[in-house]
């Protein structure tokens, strides 16, 4: 309790309130990715446009079978992204500079 009492004045500072307002008001770039291909999706990558690498595979050990969707969660405010989907047969489909804040669902291919 004592530690909380010491932190309360810090939480009431204007700087902290501004940070909260920016995060709270930031658009949500998360979306559903639907597999509309006859092949399963083995890998999904989403990275901010301009980044040199794709980052981690968002499916991990999972596979996205045809007709199913995966929820892609992204940090608030990260709206312009590059997306790469790799299918079971090795094909890769990329979409660049996608405004994911403007869409709630995206189908591949």
N, C-alpha and C. Protein backbone atom coordinates (compact mmCIF):
# COMPACT_ATOMS: atom_id res chain seq x y z
N UNK A 1 0.82 -1.20 0.00
CA UNK A 1 0.00 0.00 0.00
C UNK A 1 0.86 1.26 0.00
N UNK A 2 1.94 1.21 0.78
CA UNK A 2 2.80 2.38 0.89
C UNK A 2 3.39 2.75 -0.48
N UNK A 3 3.82 1.73 -1.26
CA UNK A 3 4.38 2.00 -2.59
C UNK A 3 3.33 2.63 -3.52
N UNK A 4 2.12 2.12 -3.45
CA UNK A 4 1.05 2.68 -4.27
C UNK A 4 0.81 4.15 -3.92
N UNK A 5 0.83 4.44 -2.63
CA UNK A 5 0.63 5.82 -2.19
C UNK A 5 1.73 6.73 -2.72
N UNK A 6 2.95 6.21 -2.83
CA UNK A 6 4.05 7.01 -3.35
C UNK A 6 3.93 7.22 -4.86
N UNK A 7 3.32 6.28 -5.57
CA UNK A 7 3.19 6.39 -7.02
C UNK A 7 2.02 7.25 -7.46
N UNK A 8 1.01 7.39 -6.63
CA UNK A 8 -0.18 8.15 -7.02
C UNK A 8 0.12 9.57 -7.49
N UNK A 9 1.00 10.33 -6.82
CA UNK A 9 1.31 11.67 -7.34
C UNK A 9 1.92 11.64 -8.74
N UNK A 10 2.73 10.61 -9.04
CA UNK A 10 3.33 10.50 -10.37
C UNK A 10 2.28 10.23 -11.43
N UNK A 11 1.28 9.42 -11.10
CA UNK A 11 0.24 9.08 -12.06
C UNK A 11 -0.66 10.27 -12.38
N UNK A 12 -0.67 11.25 -11.54
CA UNK A 12 -1.52 12.41 -11.74
C UNK A 12 -0.81 13.53 -12.52
N UNK A 13 0.44 13.30 -12.91
CA UNK A 13 1.18 14.34 -13.62
C UNK A 13 0.62 14.54 -15.03
N UNK A 14 0.72 15.74 -15.57
CA UNK A 14 0.23 16.01 -16.92
C UNK A 14 0.90 15.14 -17.99
N UNK A 15 2.18 14.86 -17.86
CA UNK A 15 2.89 14.05 -18.86
C UNK A 15 2.29 12.65 -18.94
N UNK A 16 2.00 12.06 -17.79
CA UNK A 16 1.40 10.73 -17.78
C UNK A 16 0.01 10.77 -18.42
N UNK A 17 -0.75 11.79 -18.14
CA UNK A 17 -2.09 11.92 -18.71
C UNK A 17 -2.01 12.06 -20.22
N UNK A 18 -1.01 12.77 -20.75
CA UNK A 18 -0.86 12.91 -22.19
C UNK A 18 -0.53 11.58 -22.84
N UNK A 19 0.36 10.80 -22.22
CA UNK A 19 0.71 9.49 -22.76
C UNK A 19 -0.52 8.61 -22.80
N UNK A 20 -1.31 8.60 -21.74
CA UNK A 20 -2.53 7.80 -21.71
C UNK A 20 -3.49 8.23 -22.81
N UNK A 21 -3.64 9.51 -23.03
CA UNK A 21 -4.57 10.02 -24.04
C UNK A 21 -4.12 9.59 -25.44
N UNK A 22 -2.82 9.64 -25.71
CA UNK A 22 -2.31 9.26 -27.02
C UNK A 22 -2.57 7.78 -27.26
N UNK A 23 -2.26 6.94 -26.27
CA UNK A 23 -2.47 5.50 -26.42
C UNK A 23 -3.95 5.19 -26.52
N UNK A 24 -4.77 5.81 -25.70
CA UNK A 24 -6.21 5.54 -25.70
C UNK A 24 -6.85 5.97 -27.01
N UNK A 25 -6.37 7.03 -27.62
CA UNK A 25 -6.96 7.55 -28.85
C UNK A 25 -6.35 6.98 -30.12
N UNK A 26 -5.31 6.15 -30.00
CA UNK A 26 -4.65 5.59 -31.17
C UNK A 26 -5.55 4.56 -31.85
N UNK A 27 -5.58 4.57 -33.18
CA UNK A 27 -6.41 3.60 -33.90
C UNK A 27 -5.90 2.18 -33.72
N UNK A 28 -6.82 1.22 -33.81
CA UNK A 28 -6.48 -0.20 -33.65
C UNK A 28 -6.17 -0.80 -35.02
N UNK A 29 -4.93 -1.21 -35.26
CA UNK A 29 -4.56 -1.78 -36.56
C UNK A 29 -4.78 -3.29 -36.66
N UNK A 30 -5.28 -3.91 -35.61
CA UNK A 30 -5.50 -5.36 -35.63
C UNK A 30 -6.57 -5.72 -36.65
N UNK A 31 -6.46 -6.93 -37.22
CA UNK A 31 -7.41 -7.36 -38.25
C UNK A 31 -7.48 -8.89 -38.30
N UNK A 32 -8.47 -9.38 -39.03
CA UNK A 32 -8.61 -10.82 -39.27
C UNK A 32 -8.07 -11.13 -40.65
N UNK A 33 -7.20 -12.13 -40.74
CA UNK A 33 -6.66 -12.56 -42.02
C UNK A 33 -7.36 -13.87 -42.39
N UNK A 34 -8.04 -13.88 -43.54
CA UNK A 34 -8.81 -15.05 -43.98
C UNK A 34 -8.05 -15.77 -45.09
N UNK A 35 -7.94 -17.09 -44.97
CA UNK A 35 -7.30 -17.89 -46.01
C UNK A 35 -8.35 -18.32 -47.03
N UNK A 36 -8.31 -17.73 -48.21
CA UNK A 36 -9.25 -18.07 -49.28
C UNK A 36 -8.57 -18.90 -50.37
N UNK A 37 -7.44 -19.48 -50.05
CA UNK A 37 -6.68 -20.31 -51.00
C UNK A 37 -6.97 -21.78 -50.71
N UNK A 38 -6.83 -22.66 -51.71
CA UNK A 38 -7.01 -24.09 -51.43
C UNK A 38 -5.88 -24.69 -50.60
N UNK A 39 -4.75 -24.01 -50.51
CA UNK A 39 -3.62 -24.49 -49.71
C UNK A 39 -3.65 -23.85 -48.32
N UNK A 40 -3.15 -24.56 -47.35
CA UNK A 40 -3.05 -24.02 -45.99
C UNK A 40 -1.98 -22.94 -45.93
N UNK A 41 -2.15 -22.02 -45.01
CA UNK A 41 -1.14 -20.99 -44.75
C UNK A 41 -0.25 -21.52 -43.62
N UNK A 42 1.05 -21.49 -43.84
CA UNK A 42 1.99 -21.96 -42.83
C UNK A 42 2.67 -20.82 -42.08
N UNK A 43 2.75 -19.65 -42.70
CA UNK A 43 3.42 -18.52 -42.05
C UNK A 43 2.70 -17.21 -42.39
N UNK A 44 2.62 -16.33 -41.40
CA UNK A 44 2.09 -14.98 -41.60
C UNK A 44 3.06 -14.00 -40.94
N UNK A 45 3.47 -13.01 -41.72
CA UNK A 45 4.36 -11.97 -41.20
C UNK A 45 3.69 -10.62 -41.41
N UNK A 46 3.76 -9.77 -40.42
CA UNK A 46 3.27 -8.40 -40.52
C UNK A 46 4.32 -7.51 -39.87
N UNK A 47 4.80 -6.55 -40.62
CA UNK A 47 5.79 -5.62 -40.07
C UNK A 47 5.48 -4.21 -40.53
N UNK A 48 5.89 -3.23 -39.74
CA UNK A 48 5.68 -1.84 -40.16
C UNK A 48 6.39 -1.58 -41.49
N UNK A 49 5.73 -0.87 -42.38
CA UNK A 49 6.34 -0.52 -43.67
C UNK A 49 7.66 0.18 -43.42
N UNK A 50 8.66 -0.20 -44.20
CA UNK A 50 9.98 0.40 -44.05
C UNK A 50 10.94 -0.43 -43.21
N UNK A 51 10.42 -1.38 -42.48
CA UNK A 51 11.29 -2.25 -41.68
C UNK A 51 12.00 -3.23 -42.62
N UNK A 52 13.25 -3.51 -42.36
CA UNK A 52 14.04 -4.35 -43.26
C UNK A 52 13.75 -5.85 -43.13
N UNK A 53 13.27 -6.29 -41.98
CA UNK A 53 12.98 -7.71 -41.82
C UNK A 53 11.50 -7.91 -41.49
N UNK A 54 11.04 -9.13 -41.69
CA UNK A 54 9.62 -9.43 -41.48
C UNK A 54 9.25 -9.66 -40.03
N UNK A 55 10.24 -9.91 -39.19
CA UNK A 55 9.92 -10.19 -37.79
C UNK A 55 9.49 -11.63 -37.61
N UNK A 56 8.73 -11.88 -36.56
CA UNK A 56 8.35 -13.25 -36.21
C UNK A 56 7.15 -13.74 -37.03
N UNK A 57 7.09 -15.05 -37.20
CA UNK A 57 5.94 -15.69 -37.84
C UNK A 57 4.79 -15.66 -36.85
N UNK A 58 3.71 -15.01 -37.20
CA UNK A 58 2.59 -14.81 -36.27
C UNK A 58 1.73 -16.05 -36.09
N UNK A 59 1.92 -17.06 -36.92
CA UNK A 59 1.19 -18.32 -36.71
C UNK A 59 1.94 -19.27 -35.79
N UNK A 60 3.26 -19.11 -35.71
CA UNK A 60 4.05 -20.02 -34.87
C UNK A 60 3.92 -21.44 -35.39
N UNK A 61 3.54 -22.37 -34.54
CA UNK A 61 3.38 -23.77 -34.92
C UNK A 61 2.02 -24.05 -35.55
N UNK A 62 1.11 -23.09 -35.52
CA UNK A 62 -0.23 -23.29 -36.05
C UNK A 62 -0.23 -23.23 -37.58
N UNK A 63 -1.31 -23.72 -38.16
CA UNK A 63 -1.54 -23.68 -39.61
C UNK A 63 -2.93 -23.11 -39.81
N UNK A 64 -3.07 -22.26 -40.81
CA UNK A 64 -4.37 -21.67 -41.13
C UNK A 64 -4.95 -22.39 -42.34
N UNK A 65 -5.91 -23.27 -42.08
CA UNK A 65 -6.49 -24.09 -43.15
C UNK A 65 -7.40 -23.23 -44.03
N UNK A 66 -7.66 -23.69 -45.27
CA UNK A 66 -8.52 -22.93 -46.17
C UNK A 66 -9.89 -22.64 -45.54
N UNK A 67 -10.35 -21.41 -45.75
CA UNK A 67 -11.66 -21.00 -45.25
C UNK A 67 -11.66 -20.48 -43.82
N UNK A 68 -10.56 -20.59 -43.11
CA UNK A 68 -10.48 -20.14 -41.72
C UNK A 68 -9.78 -18.80 -41.63
N UNK A 69 -9.91 -18.16 -40.46
CA UNK A 69 -9.31 -16.84 -40.24
C UNK A 69 -8.44 -16.86 -38.99
N UNK A 70 -7.46 -15.98 -38.98
CA UNK A 70 -6.60 -15.78 -37.81
C UNK A 70 -6.66 -14.31 -37.43
N UNK A 71 -6.72 -14.04 -36.15
CA UNK A 71 -6.71 -12.66 -35.66
C UNK A 71 -5.25 -12.22 -35.56
N UNK A 72 -4.94 -11.10 -36.20
CA UNK A 72 -3.60 -10.53 -36.17
C UNK A 72 -3.66 -9.29 -35.28
N UNK A 73 -3.04 -9.38 -34.12
CA UNK A 73 -3.03 -8.26 -33.17
C UNK A 73 -1.76 -7.45 -33.35
N UNK A 74 -1.94 -6.14 -33.47
CA UNK A 74 -0.82 -5.22 -33.67
C UNK A 74 -0.88 -4.12 -32.64
N UNK A 75 0.26 -3.48 -32.35
CA UNK A 75 0.27 -2.38 -31.40
C UNK A 75 -0.57 -1.19 -31.89
N UNK A 76 -1.25 -0.55 -30.99
CA UNK A 76 -2.09 0.61 -31.32
C UNK A 76 -1.26 1.65 -32.07
N UNK A 77 -1.85 2.16 -33.15
CA UNK A 77 -1.20 3.22 -33.91
C UNK A 77 -0.28 2.74 -35.03
N UNK A 78 0.04 1.44 -35.08
CA UNK A 78 0.91 0.90 -36.14
C UNK A 78 0.04 0.58 -37.35
N UNK A 79 -0.31 1.60 -38.12
CA UNK A 79 -1.33 1.46 -39.16
C UNK A 79 -0.83 1.03 -40.53
N UNK A 80 0.34 1.45 -40.94
CA UNK A 80 0.81 1.13 -42.29
C UNK A 80 1.80 -0.02 -42.20
N UNK A 81 1.37 -1.17 -42.75
CA UNK A 81 2.13 -2.41 -42.58
C UNK A 81 2.33 -3.14 -43.89
N UNK A 82 3.38 -3.96 -43.92
CA UNK A 82 3.62 -4.90 -45.00
C UNK A 82 3.21 -6.27 -44.48
N UNK A 83 2.56 -7.08 -45.33
CA UNK A 83 2.05 -8.38 -44.92
C UNK A 83 2.58 -9.43 -45.89
N UNK A 84 3.05 -10.53 -45.34
CA UNK A 84 3.56 -11.65 -46.15
C UNK A 84 2.91 -12.93 -45.65
N UNK A 85 2.31 -13.68 -46.57
CA UNK A 85 1.67 -14.96 -46.25
C UNK A 85 2.38 -16.04 -47.05
N UNK A 86 2.79 -17.11 -46.37
CA UNK A 86 3.47 -18.24 -47.03
C UNK A 86 2.56 -19.46 -46.94
N UNK A 87 2.25 -20.03 -48.11
CA UNK A 87 1.37 -21.18 -48.19
C UNK A 87 2.15 -22.49 -48.08
N UNK A 88 1.43 -23.57 -47.86
CA UNK A 88 2.03 -24.89 -47.68
C UNK A 88 2.86 -25.32 -48.89
N UNK A 89 2.48 -24.86 -50.07
CA UNK A 89 3.21 -25.24 -51.28
C UNK A 89 4.43 -24.35 -51.54
N UNK A 90 4.73 -23.46 -50.62
CA UNK A 90 5.92 -22.61 -50.72
C UNK A 90 5.67 -21.24 -51.35
N UNK A 91 4.51 -21.03 -51.94
CA UNK A 91 4.20 -19.71 -52.52
C UNK A 91 4.12 -18.66 -51.43
N UNK A 92 4.58 -17.48 -51.76
CA UNK A 92 4.47 -16.36 -50.84
C UNK A 92 3.73 -15.23 -51.54
N UNK A 93 2.79 -14.64 -50.83
CA UNK A 93 2.04 -13.49 -51.35
C UNK A 93 2.31 -12.32 -50.41
N UNK A 94 2.69 -11.19 -50.97
CA UNK A 94 2.98 -10.01 -50.17
C UNK A 94 2.07 -8.86 -50.57
N UNK A 95 1.69 -8.10 -49.58
CA UNK A 95 0.97 -6.84 -49.81
C UNK A 95 1.72 -5.77 -49.03
N UNK A 96 2.04 -4.71 -49.71
CA UNK A 96 2.85 -3.63 -49.13
C UNK A 96 2.00 -2.41 -48.84
N UNK A 97 2.41 -1.67 -47.82
CA UNK A 97 1.81 -0.39 -47.45
C UNK A 97 0.30 -0.49 -47.24
N UNK A 98 -0.12 -1.49 -46.49
CA UNK A 98 -1.54 -1.70 -46.20
C UNK A 98 -1.91 -0.88 -44.96
N UNK A 99 -2.96 -0.08 -45.06
CA UNK A 99 -3.45 0.67 -43.91
C UNK A 99 -4.37 -0.26 -43.12
N UNK A 100 -3.80 -0.98 -42.17
CA UNK A 100 -4.57 -1.96 -41.41
C UNK A 100 -5.53 -1.30 -40.42
N UNK A 101 -5.39 -0.02 -40.18
CA UNK A 101 -6.35 0.69 -39.32
C UNK A 101 -7.67 0.93 -40.08
N UNK A 102 -7.61 0.83 -41.40
CA UNK A 102 -8.80 1.10 -42.22
C UNK A 102 -9.56 -0.18 -42.60
N UNK A 103 -9.02 -1.34 -42.22
CA UNK A 103 -9.69 -2.61 -42.55
C UNK A 103 -9.86 -3.45 -41.29
N UNK A 104 -10.90 -4.25 -41.26
CA UNK A 104 -11.07 -5.16 -40.12
C UNK A 104 -10.81 -6.60 -40.54
N UNK A 105 -10.83 -6.84 -41.87
CA UNK A 105 -10.61 -8.19 -42.38
C UNK A 105 -9.90 -8.11 -43.72
N UNK A 106 -9.01 -9.07 -43.98
CA UNK A 106 -8.29 -9.11 -45.23
C UNK A 106 -8.19 -10.57 -45.67
N UNK A 107 -8.48 -10.83 -46.95
CA UNK A 107 -8.42 -12.20 -47.46
C UNK A 107 -7.19 -12.38 -48.35
N UNK A 108 -6.59 -13.55 -48.26
CA UNK A 108 -5.47 -13.95 -49.12
C UNK A 108 -5.86 -15.22 -49.81
N UNK A 109 -5.49 -15.47 -51.04
CA UNK A 109 -4.65 -14.64 -51.89
C UNK A 109 -5.39 -13.48 -52.46
